């Protein structure tokens, strides 16, 4: 079962915890572009990496 991601969602990469929280910029099928706090913009294939939806980080 594939999770659904929407622009504005906050996520974590389960295999790259040092990237920190990331905000979804776009989601087209299994291709999700995320802007991570410590890794910048990354294109994630969610068929291979199940991102975890989290609460927004505190400012």
PDB file of N, CA and C in Angstrom:
ATOM      1  N   UNK A   1       0.836  -1.182   0.000  1.00  0.00           N
ATOM      2  CA  UNK A   1       0.000   0.000   0.000  1.00  0.00           C
ATOM      3  C   UNK A   1       0.884   1.249   0.000  1.00  0.00           C
ATOM      4  N   UNK A   2       0.648   2.137  -0.948  1.00  0.00           N
ATOM      5  CA  UNK A   2       1.442   3.344  -1.074  1.00  0.00           C
ATOM      6  C   UNK A   2       0.797   4.477  -0.292  1.00  0.00           C
ATOM      7  N   UNK A   3       1.612   5.178   0.489  1.00  0.00           N
ATOM      8  CA  UNK A   3       1.104   6.326   1.233  1.00  0.00           C
ATOM      9  C   UNK A   3       0.882   7.488   0.269  1.00  0.00           C
ATOM     10  N   UNK A   4       0.010   8.385   0.657  1.00  0.00           N
ATOM     11  CA  UNK A   4      -0.276   9.560  -0.151  1.00  0.00           C
ATOM     12  C   UNK A   4       0.381  10.771   0.490  1.00  0.00           C
ATOM     13  N   UNK A   5       1.094  11.545  -0.316  1.00  0.00           N
ATOM     14  CA  UNK A   5       1.774  12.748   0.169  1.00  0.00           C
ATOM     15  C   UNK A   5       1.230  13.945  -0.590  1.00  0.00           C
ATOM     16  N   UNK A   6       1.125  15.077   0.094  1.00  0.00           N
ATOM     17  CA  UNK A   6       0.614  16.294  -0.523  1.00  0.00           C
ATOM     18  C   UNK A   6       1.581  17.442  -0.242  1.00  0.00           C
ATOM     19  N   UNK A   7       1.678  18.401  -1.157  1.00  0.00           N
ATOM     20  CA  UNK A   7       2.519  19.568  -0.884  1.00  0.00           C
ATOM     21  C   UNK A   7       2.150  20.199   0.455  1.00  0.00           C
ATOM     22  N   UNK A   8       3.193  20.507   1.224  1.00  0.00           N
ATOM     23  CA  UNK A   8       2.990  21.083   2.556  1.00  0.00           C
ATOM     24  C   UNK A   8       3.138  20.074   3.673  1.00  0.00           C
ATOM     25  N   UNK A   9       2.990  18.768   3.361  1.00  0.00           N
ATOM     26  CA  UNK A   9       3.200  17.738   4.381  1.00  0.00           C
ATOM     27  C   UNK A   9       4.650  17.779   4.864  1.00  0.00           C
ATOM     28  N   UNK A  10       4.843  17.462   6.129  1.00  0.00           N
ATOM     29  CA  UNK A  10       6.184  17.330   6.696  1.00  0.00           C
ATOM     30  C   UNK A  10       6.496  15.849   6.835  1.00  0.00           C
ATOM     31  N   UNK A  11       7.712  15.452   6.455  1.00  0.00           N
ATOM     32  CA  UNK A  11       8.098  14.045   6.449  1.00  0.00           C
ATOM     33  C   UNK A  11       9.523  13.873   6.975  1.00  0.00           C
ATOM     34  N   UNK A  12       9.852  12.621   7.281  1.00  0.00           N
ATOM     35  CA  UNK A  12      11.222  12.217   7.621  1.00  0.00           C
ATOM     36  C   UNK A  12      11.618  11.085   6.689  1.00  0.00           C
ATOM     37  N   UNK A  13      12.894  11.053   6.327  1.00  0.00           N
ATOM     38  CA  UNK A  13      13.445   9.957   5.533  1.00  0.00           C
ATOM     39  C   UNK A  13      13.936   8.900   6.523  1.00  0.00           C
ATOM     40  N   UNK A  14      13.398   7.680   6.467  1.00  0.00           N
ATOM     41  CA  UNK A  14      13.743   6.682   7.483  1.00  0.00           C
ATOM     42  C   UNK A  14      15.204   6.222   7.448  1.00  0.00           C
ATOM     43  N   UNK A  15      15.880   6.384   6.310  1.00  0.00           N
ATOM     44  CA  UNK A  15      17.261   5.916   6.181  1.00  0.00           C
ATOM     45  C   UNK A  15      18.274   7.052   6.279  1.00  0.00           C
ATOM     46  N   UNK A  16      17.795   8.292   6.349  1.00  0.00           N
ATOM     47  CA  UNK A  16      18.677   9.460   6.430  1.00  0.00           C
ATOM     48  C   UNK A  16      18.205  10.401   7.544  1.00  0.00           C
ATOM     49  N   UNK A  17      18.249   9.970   8.796  1.00  0.00           N
ATOM     50  CA  UNK A  17      17.724  10.816   9.874  1.00  0.00           C
ATOM     51  C   UNK A  17      18.482  12.138  10.021  1.00  0.00           C
ATOM     52  N   UNK A  18      19.752  12.181   9.588  1.00  0.00           N
ATOM     53  CA  UNK A  18      20.526  13.414   9.684  1.00  0.00           C
ATOM     54  C   UNK A  18      20.041  14.502   8.724  1.00  0.00           C
ATOM     55  N   UNK A  19      19.170  14.148   7.770  1.00  0.00           N
ATOM     56  CA  UNK A  19      18.598  15.150   6.872  1.00  0.00           C
ATOM     57  C   UNK A  19      17.582  16.022   7.588  1.00  0.00           C
ATOM     58  N   UNK A  20      17.070  15.561   8.719  1.00  0.00           N
ATOM     59  CA  UNK A  20      16.073  16.308   9.470  1.00  0.00           C
ATOM     60  C   UNK A  20      14.704  16.245   8.815  1.00  0.00           C
ATOM     61  N   UNK A  21      13.821  17.089   9.284  1.00  0.00           N
ATOM     62  CA  UNK A  21      12.466  17.149   8.738  1.00  0.00           C
ATOM     63  C   UNK A  21      12.507  17.744   7.343  1.00  0.00           C
ATOM     64  N   UNK A  22      11.534  17.346   6.534  1.00  0.00           N
ATOM     65  CA  UNK A  22      11.435  17.888   5.188  1.00  0.00           C
ATOM     66  C   UNK A  22       9.998  18.197   4.845  1.00  0.00           C
ATOM     67  N   UNK A  23       9.821  19.224   4.015  1.00  0.00           N
ATOM     68  CA  UNK A  23       8.476  19.594   3.584  1.00  0.00           C
ATOM     69  C   UNK A  23       8.290  19.185   2.130  1.00  0.00           C
ATOM     70  N   UNK A  24       7.194  18.486   1.874  1.00  0.00           N
ATOM     71  CA  UNK A  24       6.884  18.031   0.526  1.00  0.00           C
ATOM     72  C   UNK A  24       6.597  19.249  -0.356  1.00  0.00           C
ATOM     73  N   UNK A  25       7.294  19.308  -1.499  1.00  0.00           N
ATOM     74  CA  UNK A  25       7.092  20.387  -2.465  1.00  0.00           C
ATOM     75  C   UNK A  25       6.127  19.961  -3.567  1.00  0.00           C
ATOM     76  N   UNK A  26       6.274  18.692  -4.010  1.00  0.00           N
ATOM     77  CA  UNK A  26       5.366  18.157  -5.028  1.00  0.00           C
ATOM     78  C   UNK A  26       5.328  16.646  -4.892  1.00  0.00           C
ATOM     79  N   UNK A  27       4.237  16.060  -5.361  1.00  0.00           N
ATOM     80  CA  UNK A  27       4.064  14.611  -5.313  1.00  0.00           C
ATOM     81  C   UNK A  27       3.309  14.186  -6.559  1.00  0.00           C
ATOM     82  N   UNK A  28       4.003  13.432  -7.418  1.00  0.00           N
ATOM     83  CA  UNK A  28       3.400  12.922  -8.647  1.00  0.00           C
ATOM     84  C   UNK A  28       3.638  11.416  -8.660  1.00  0.00           C
ATOM     85  N   UNK A  29       2.582  10.669  -8.373  1.00  0.00           N
ATOM     86  CA  UNK A  29       2.730   9.218  -8.261  1.00  0.00           C
ATOM     87  C   UNK A  29       3.686   8.887  -7.134  1.00  0.00           C
ATOM     88  N   UNK A  30       4.712   8.096  -7.441  1.00  0.00           N
ATOM     89  CA  UNK A  30       5.688   7.701  -6.420  1.00  0.00           C
ATOM     90  C   UNK A  30       6.888   8.646  -6.369  1.00  0.00           C
ATOM     91  N   UNK A  31       6.886   9.717  -7.159  1.00  0.00           N
ATOM     92  CA  UNK A  31       7.987  10.688  -7.172  1.00  0.00           C
ATOM     93  C   UNK A  31       7.602  11.890  -6.314  1.00  0.00           C
ATOM     94  N   UNK A  32       8.297  12.031  -5.192  1.00  0.00           N
ATOM     95  CA  UNK A  32       7.987  13.091  -4.233  1.00  0.00           C
ATOM     96  C   UNK A  32       9.221  13.974  -4.066  1.00  0.00           C
ATOM     97  N   UNK A  33       9.067  15.260  -4.303  1.00  0.00           N
ATOM     98  CA  UNK A  33      10.150  16.217  -4.090  1.00  0.00           C
ATOM     99  C   UNK A  33       9.986  16.816  -2.709  1.00  0.00           C
ATOM    100  N   UNK A  34      11.066  16.711  -1.911  1.00  0.00           N
ATOM    101  CA  UNK A  34      11.033  17.150  -0.521  1.00  0.00           C
ATOM    102  C   UNK A  34      12.191  18.116  -0.285  1.00  0.00           C
ATOM    103  N   UNK A  35      11.918  19.208   0.411  1.00  0.00           N
ATOM    104  CA  UNK A  35      12.961  20.148   0.805  1.00  0.00           C
ATOM    105  C   UNK A  35      13.297  19.872   2.272  1.00  0.00           C
ATOM    106  N   UNK A  36      14.430  19.167   2.497  1.00  0.00           N
ATOM    107  CA  UNK A  36      14.853  18.797   3.846  1.00  0.00           C
ATOM    108  C   UNK A  36      15.644  19.935   4.486  1.00  0.00           C
ATOM    109  N   UNK A  37      15.499  20.088   5.808  1.00  0.00           N
ATOM    110  CA  UNK A  37      16.171  21.156   6.538  1.00  0.00           C
ATOM    111  C   UNK A  37      17.688  21.086   6.404  1.00  0.00           C
ATOM    112  N   UNK A  38      18.273  19.870   6.395  1.00  0.00           N
ATOM    113  CA  UNK A  38      19.729  19.736   6.384  1.00  0.00           C
ATOM    114  C   UNK A  38      20.283  19.077   5.127  1.00  0.00           C
ATOM    115  N   UNK A  39      19.440  18.866   4.119  1.00  0.00           N
ATOM    116  CA  UNK A  39      19.916  18.224   2.889  1.00  0.00           C
ATOM    117  C   UNK A  39      19.382  18.905   1.636  1.00  0.00           C
ATOM    118  N   UNK A  40      18.570  19.932   1.804  1.00  0.00           N
ATOM    119  CA  UNK A  40      18.029  20.631   0.645  1.00  0.00           C
ATOM    120  C   UNK A  40      16.992  19.810  -0.092  1.00  0.00           C
ATOM    121  N   UNK A  41      16.797  20.148  -1.364  1.00  0.00           N
ATOM    122  CA  UNK A  41      15.750  19.527  -2.166  1.00  0.00           C
ATOM    123  C   UNK A  41      16.205  18.167  -2.666  1.00  0.00           C
ATOM    124  N   UNK A  42      15.364  17.150  -2.422  1.00  0.00           N
ATOM    125  CA  UNK A  42      15.659  15.773  -2.823  1.00  0.00           C
ATOM    126  C   UNK A  42      14.439  15.179  -3.504  1.00  0.00           C
ATOM    127  N   UNK A  43      14.686  14.415  -4.571  1.00  0.00           N
ATOM    128  CA  UNK A  43      13.618  13.679  -5.243  1.00  0.00           C
ATOM    129  C   UNK A  43      13.618  12.261  -4.689  1.00  0.00           C
ATOM    130  N   UNK A  44      12.519  11.840  -4.104  1.00  0.00           N
ATOM    131  CA  UNK A  44      12.409  10.546  -3.444  1.00  0.00           C
ATOM    132  C   UNK A  44      11.429   9.666  -4.208  1.00  0.00           C
ATOM    133  N   UNK A  45      11.832   8.428  -4.472  1.00  0.00           N
ATOM    134  CA  UNK A  45      10.933   7.426  -5.053  1.00  0.00           C
ATOM    135  C   UNK A  45      10.310   6.683  -3.879  1.00  0.00           C
ATOM    136  N   UNK A  46       9.049   6.948  -3.615  1.00  0.00           N
ATOM    137  CA  UNK A  46       8.408   6.359  -2.441  1.00  0.00           C
ATOM    138  C   UNK A  46       8.069   4.877  -2.629  1.00  0.00           C
ATOM    139  N   UNK A  47       8.285   4.335  -3.832  1.00  0.00           N
ATOM    140  CA  UNK A  47       8.193   2.880  -4.000  1.00  0.00           C
ATOM    141  C   UNK A  47       9.379   2.206  -3.317  1.00  0.00           C
ATOM    142  N   UNK A  48      10.495   2.943  -3.180  1.00  0.00           N
ATOM    143  CA  UNK A  48      11.709   2.407  -2.569  1.00  0.00           C
ATOM    144  C   UNK A  48      11.929   2.920  -1.149  1.00  0.00           C
ATOM    145  N   UNK A  49      11.461   4.125  -0.861  1.00  0.00           N
ATOM    146  CA  UNK A  49      11.667   4.742   0.450  1.00  0.00           C
ATOM    147  C   UNK A  49      10.323   5.218   0.998  1.00  0.00           C
ATOM    148  N   UNK A  50       9.792   4.539   2.015  1.00  0.00           N
ATOM    149  CA  UNK A  50       8.513   4.957   2.602  1.00  0.00           C
ATOM    150  C   UNK A  50       8.716   6.110   3.587  1.00  0.00           C
ATOM    151  N   UNK A  51       8.515   7.326   3.129  1.00  0.00           N
ATOM    152  CA  UNK A  51       8.675   8.484   3.990  1.00  0.00           C
ATOM    153  C   UNK A  51       7.657   8.429   5.126  1.00  0.00           C
ATOM    154  N   UNK A  52       8.062   8.953   6.292  1.00  0.00           N
ATOM    155  CA  UNK A  52       7.161   9.010   7.447  1.00  0.00           C
ATOM    156  C   UNK A  52       6.603  10.420   7.582  1.00  0.00           C
ATOM    157  N   UNK A  53       5.292  10.553   7.587  1.00  0.00           N
ATOM    158  CA  UNK A  53       4.654  11.847   7.796  1.00  0.00           C
ATOM    159  C   UNK A  53       4.785  12.206   9.279  1.00  0.00           C
ATOM    160  N   UNK A  54       5.200  13.449   9.556  1.00  0.00           N
ATOM    161  CA  UNK A  54       5.420  13.912  10.937  1.00  0.00           C
ATOM    162  C   UNK A  54       4.689  15.230  11.150  1.00  0.00           C
ATOM    163  N   UNK A  55       4.656  15.666  12.412  1.00  0.00           N
ATOM    164  CA  UNK A  55       4.119  16.981  12.739  1.00  0.00           C
ATOM    165  C   UNK A  55       5.121  18.043  12.292  1.00  0.00           C
ATOM    166  N   UNK A  56       4.661  19.230  11.912  1.00  0.00           N
ATOM    167  CA  UNK A  56       5.596  20.296  11.520  1.00  0.00           C
ATOM    168  C   UNK A  56       6.556  20.607  12.655  1.00  0.00           C
ATOM    169  N   UNK A  57       7.829  20.854  12.302  1.00  0.00           N
ATOM    170  CA  UNK A  57       8.782  21.221  13.366  1.00  0.00           C
ATOM    171  C   UNK A  57       8.434  22.594  13.935  1.00  0.00           C
ATOM    172  N   UNK A  58       8.795  22.795  15.187  1.00  0.00           N
ATOM    173  CA  UNK A  58       8.519  24.089  15.810  1.00  0.00           C
ATOM    174  C   UNK A  58       9.501  25.121  15.292  1.00  0.00           C
ATOM    175  N   UNK A  59       9.019  26.309  15.048  1.00  0.00           N
ATOM    176  CA  UNK A  59       9.861  27.391  14.501  1.00  0.00           C
ATOM    177  C   UNK A  59      10.841  27.914  15.511  1.00  0.00           C
TER     178      UNK A  59
END
